[in-house]
Amino acid sequence: MAPNARLDHRNPLVFDTHELGRRPGALLRLTRSIEAPKDLGIQGVVGVPEGAPVELDLRLESVMEGVLVTGTARAQAEGECVRCLEPLQLDVEADFQELFTYPDADDRGRVIAEPGDDAEDDEDRFFLEDGLFDLEPLLRDAVVLALPMQPVCQEDCPGLCAACGARLADDPDHHHDAVDIRWAALQGLAGTMQDGEKDEMSGAEPGVDEKQEK
């Protein structure tokens, strides 16, 4: 992520490293409670609701190349069970670690004249911007990796009945009598034949009545 000099220190996900200086080995521990940004999670599957509390524990360590950020984010995610479609909640704990590089240092800590000469390398690197870094991209990646791709309300959730859609966990004995389609066709034919016999019987009666009248 190339530097863009647009970070706002008032953003709760932007952190200041000036206290560390550029002294390798300097260490700073931080805890912060923030409101979850929009779309934090796997869209349409499971995620932390916007505005929900996210607890951050961070360890900032000054190294030759920049600041090594190690931390953990804890929050509660919401989603829908992929088997029974019931809403669910789950605790998420996401660990992350990333090096935020000084803009004037290469990957060996050596000062370089013009950072960003190699655009491809810059895309894979995170930079400090005037001593600030933005944790949001790192947090998003960590939360997505910590969440299940197919969340379930419980490990043994039986899901829904394929025939009627009933939730099987609510009725463990739920079942439907299986009907062989071949027998179903014969039953239909038998019903047609019975209807025909009734028609023949009803058709013979008028002749008898006519003779009786004579």
Protein backbone atom coordinates (compact mmCIF):
# COMPACT_ATOMS: atom_id res chain seq x y z
CA MET A 1 0.00 0.00 0.00
CA ALA A 2 1.81 3.06 -1.25
CA PRO A 3 1.90 6.17 0.96
CA ASN A 4 -0.74 8.79 0.20
CA ALA A 5 -0.29 11.33 3.07
CA ARG A 6 -4.03 11.46 3.70
CA LEU A 7 -4.35 9.76 7.08
CA ASP A 8 -6.47 11.52 9.68
CA HIS A 9 -5.28 11.08 13.26
CA ARG A 10 -8.91 11.48 14.41
CA ASN A 11 -9.84 8.21 12.74
CA PRO A 12 -10.02 5.55 15.51
CA LEU A 13 -8.22 3.06 13.24
CA VAL A 14 -5.29 5.39 12.64
CA PHE A 15 -2.44 5.06 15.14
CA ASP A 16 0.45 7.38 15.97
CA THR A 17 3.98 5.93 16.33
CA HIS A 18 5.85 9.15 17.12
CA GLU A 19 6.28 8.06 20.75
CA LEU A 20 8.46 5.18 19.53
CA GLY A 21 10.81 7.44 17.62
CA ARG A 22 13.09 5.58 15.26
CA ARG A 23 14.88 3.68 18.00
CA PRO A 24 15.03 -0.04 17.12
CA GLY A 25 13.76 -2.07 20.06
CA ALA A 26 11.40 0.60 21.42
CA LEU A 27 8.06 -0.95 22.37
CA LEU A 28 4.55 0.41 22.87
CA ARG A 29 1.43 -1.51 23.95
CA LEU A 30 -2.02 -0.11 23.19
CA THR A 31 -5.62 -1.14 23.83
CA ARG A 32 -8.50 0.53 22.08
CA SER A 33 -12.22 -0.08 21.68
CA ILE A 34 -13.58 1.06 18.35
CA GLU A 35 -16.82 0.82 16.39
CA ALA A 36 -16.71 -1.68 13.56
CA PRO A 37 -16.47 -0.10 10.10
CA LYS A 38 -18.96 -0.97 7.40
CA ASP A 39 -18.77 -4.41 5.74
CA LEU A 40 -16.35 -5.94 8.23
CA GLY A 41 -16.51 -9.62 7.34
CA ILE A 42 -17.64 -11.86 4.51
CA GLN A 43 -20.34 -9.93 2.68
CA GLY A 44 -23.68 -11.72 2.55
CA VAL A 45 -22.46 -14.55 4.79
CA VAL A 46 -21.22 -13.44 8.21
CA GLY A 47 -19.62 -10.32 9.64
CA VAL A 48 -19.34 -7.83 12.46
CA PRO A 49 -22.27 -5.37 12.27
CA GLU A 50 -21.37 -1.78 11.51
CA GLY A 51 -20.94 0.14 14.75
CA ALA A 52 -20.53 -2.96 16.93
CA PRO A 53 -17.68 -2.80 19.47
CA VAL A 54 -14.31 -4.19 18.43
CA GLU A 55 -11.65 -4.59 21.11
CA LEU A 56 -8.05 -4.11 19.93
CA ASP A 57 -4.87 -5.18 21.71
CA LEU A 58 -1.77 -3.91 19.90
CA ARG A 59 1.97 -4.22 20.28
CA LEU A 60 4.04 -1.68 18.35
CA GLU A 61 7.75 -2.40 18.03
CA SER A 62 10.26 -0.14 16.36
CA VAL A 63 12.62 -1.95 13.98
CA MET A 64 15.18 -0.81 11.44
CA GLU A 65 12.72 -0.76 8.53
CA GLY A 66 9.76 0.77 10.37
CA VAL A 67 7.21 -0.34 12.97
CA LEU A 68 6.15 -3.96 13.43
CA VAL A 69 2.48 -4.10 14.45
CA THR A 70 1.21 -7.24 16.17
CA GLY A 71 -2.27 -7.47 17.58
CA THR A 72 -5.59 -9.16 18.22
CA ALA A 73 -9.11 -7.98 17.46
CA ARG A 74 -12.13 -9.36 19.32
CA ALA A 75 -15.76 -8.83 18.35
CA GLN A 76 -19.08 -10.59 17.90
CA ALA A 77 -20.14 -11.47 14.39
CA GLU A 78 -23.64 -12.13 13.07
CA GLY A 79 -24.81 -14.22 10.17
CA GLU A 80 -27.11 -17.00 9.05
CA CYS A 81 -26.71 -20.74 9.43
CA VAL A 82 -26.03 -22.24 6.01
CA ARG A 83 -27.99 -25.38 6.92
CA CYS A 84 -31.17 -24.20 8.64
CA LEU A 85 -31.04 -20.48 7.70
CA GLU A 86 -31.54 -19.39 11.31
CA PRO A 87 -29.75 -16.21 12.48
CA LEU A 88 -26.62 -16.84 14.54
CA GLN A 89 -23.98 -15.03 16.55
CA LEU A 90 -20.40 -16.06 17.12
CA ASP A 91 -17.34 -14.65 18.83
CA VAL A 92 -14.49 -13.80 16.51
CA GLU A 93 -10.84 -13.39 17.50
CA ALA A 94 -8.52 -12.29 14.73
CA ASP A 95 -4.72 -12.15 15.07
CA PHE A 96 -2.56 -10.09 12.74
CA GLN A 97 0.98 -8.88 12.23
CA GLU A 98 2.36 -6.45 9.68
CA LEU A 99 5.42 -4.29 9.14
CA PHE A 100 4.68 -0.64 8.39
CA THR A 101 7.74 0.64 6.59
CA TYR A 102 9.34 4.07 6.81
CA PRO A 103 8.76 5.71 3.41
CA ASP A 104 12.47 6.53 3.12
CA ALA A 105 13.77 3.01 3.89
CA ASP A 106 13.98 -0.15 1.81
CA ASP A 107 13.36 -3.67 3.05
CA ARG A 108 16.82 -3.73 4.65
CA GLY A 109 16.36 -0.49 6.55
CA ARG A 110 18.60 1.44 4.21
CA VAL A 111 17.63 5.01 3.33
CA ILE A 112 16.57 5.43 -0.28
CA ALA A 113 16.28 8.66 -2.17
CA GLU A 114 12.81 8.25 -3.69
CA PRO A 115 10.39 5.75 -2.14
CA GLY A 116 7.96 4.10 -4.47
CA ASP A 117 10.29 3.61 -7.42
CA ASP A 118 9.15 0.00 -7.71
CA ALA A 119 5.35 0.14 -7.97
CA GLU A 120 4.91 -3.63 -7.70
CA ASP A 121 6.85 -3.79 -4.43
CA ASP A 122 4.87 -0.85 -3.05
CA GLU A 123 1.59 -2.70 -3.63
CA ASP A 124 2.72 -5.43 -1.24
CA ARG A 125 4.03 -3.08 1.45
CA PHE A 126 2.40 -0.96 4.14
CA PHE A 127 3.90 2.45 4.83
CA LEU A 128 4.00 4.84 7.73
CA GLU A 129 2.72 8.25 6.74
CA ASP A 130 4.16 11.05 8.87
CA GLY A 131 4.45 8.56 11.72
CA LEU A 132 0.85 7.35 11.33
CA PHE A 133 -0.52 4.04 10.10
CA ASP A 134 -4.02 2.89 9.15
CA LEU A 135 -5.02 -0.42 10.72
CA GLU A 136 -8.27 -0.86 8.77
CA PRO A 137 -6.96 -2.83 5.74
CA LEU A 138 -5.06 -5.17 8.07
CA LEU A 139 -8.07 -5.57 10.36
CA ARG A 140 -10.37 -6.42 7.46
CA ASP A 141 -8.07 -9.11 6.11
CA ALA A 142 -7.61 -10.64 9.58
CA VAL A 143 -11.33 -10.74 10.37
CA VAL A 144 -12.20 -12.36 7.02
CA LEU A 145 -9.61 -15.09 7.61
CA ALA A 146 -10.92 -15.69 11.15
CA LEU A 147 -14.57 -16.11 10.10
CA PRO A 148 -16.06 -19.39 8.82
CA MET A 149 -16.96 -19.45 5.14
CA GLN A 150 -19.98 -21.64 5.96
CA PRO A 151 -21.23 -20.69 9.44
CA VAL A 152 -23.54 -23.09 11.28
CA CYS A 153 -25.65 -22.54 14.39
CA GLN A 154 -24.25 -25.78 15.82
CA GLU A 155 -21.85 -28.37 14.48
CA ASP A 156 -24.52 -31.10 14.21
CA CYS A 157 -27.28 -28.86 12.79
CA PRO A 158 -29.46 -31.22 10.68
CA GLY A 159 -30.66 -28.41 8.42
CA LEU A 160 -34.05 -28.25 6.69
CA CYS A 161 -36.35 -30.94 5.34
CA ALA A 162 -35.76 -31.22 1.60
CA ALA A 163 -39.45 -31.98 1.00
CA CYS A 164 -41.22 -29.27 3.01
CA GLY A 165 -38.51 -26.96 4.39
CA ALA A 166 -39.24 -27.69 8.06
CA ARG A 167 -36.37 -27.11 10.52
CA LEU A 168 -35.31 -30.62 11.51
CA ALA A 169 -33.75 -29.56 14.82
CA ASP A 170 -37.25 -28.58 16.03
CA ASP A 171 -38.69 -32.00 15.19
CA PRO A 172 -36.10 -34.81 15.20
CA ASP A 173 -38.79 -37.37 14.24
CA HIS A 174 -39.91 -35.38 11.22
CA HIS A 175 -40.22 -37.51 8.07
CA HIS A 176 -42.30 -38.09 4.97
CA ASP A 177 -43.51 -41.47 3.70
CA ALA A 178 -41.56 -42.23 0.57
CA VAL A 179 -43.70 -42.99 -2.49
CA ASP A 180 -42.20 -44.88 -5.42
CA ILE A 181 -43.24 -42.94 -8.53
CA ARG A 182 -43.73 -46.22 -10.39
CA TRP A 183 -46.38 -47.36 -7.88
CA ALA A 184 -47.90 -43.88 -7.88
CA ALA A 185 -48.57 -44.26 -11.61
CA LEU A 186 -50.26 -47.64 -11.07
CA GLN A 187 -52.36 -46.22 -8.26
CA GLY A 188 -53.54 -43.49 -10.60
CA LEU A 189 -54.42 -46.08 -13.25
CA ALA A 190 -56.31 -48.16 -10.68
CA GLY A 191 -58.31 -45.10 -9.68
CA THR A 192 -59.22 -44.45 -13.31
CA MET A 193 -60.37 -48.06 -13.78
CA GLN A 194 -62.57 -47.85 -10.67
CA ASP A 195 -64.18 -44.69 -11.97
CA GLY A 196 -64.87 -46.47 -15.30
CA GLU A 197 -66.53 -49.44 -13.59
CA LYS A 198 -68.78 -47.07 -11.69
CA ASP A 199 -69.78 -45.39 -14.94
CA GLU A 200 -70.67 -48.80 -16.56
CA MET A 201 -72.78 -49.77 -13.57
CA SER A 202 -74.62 -46.48 -13.60
CA GLY A 203 -75.12 -46.82 -17.37
CA ALA A 204 -76.88 -50.24 -17.03
CA GLU A 205 -79.51 -49.06 -14.61
CA PRO A 206 -81.59 -46.93 -16.99
CA GLY A 207 -82.40 -49.97 -19.20
CA VAL A 208 -83.73 -51.91 -16.24
CA ASP A 209 -85.89 -49.03 -15.16
CA GLU A 210 -87.42 -48.73 -18.63
CA LYS A 211 -88.46 -52.43 -18.63
CA GLN A 212 -89.98 -52.09 -15.21
CA GLU A 213 -92.03 -49.10 -16.36
CA LYS A 214 -93.43 -51.13 -19.28
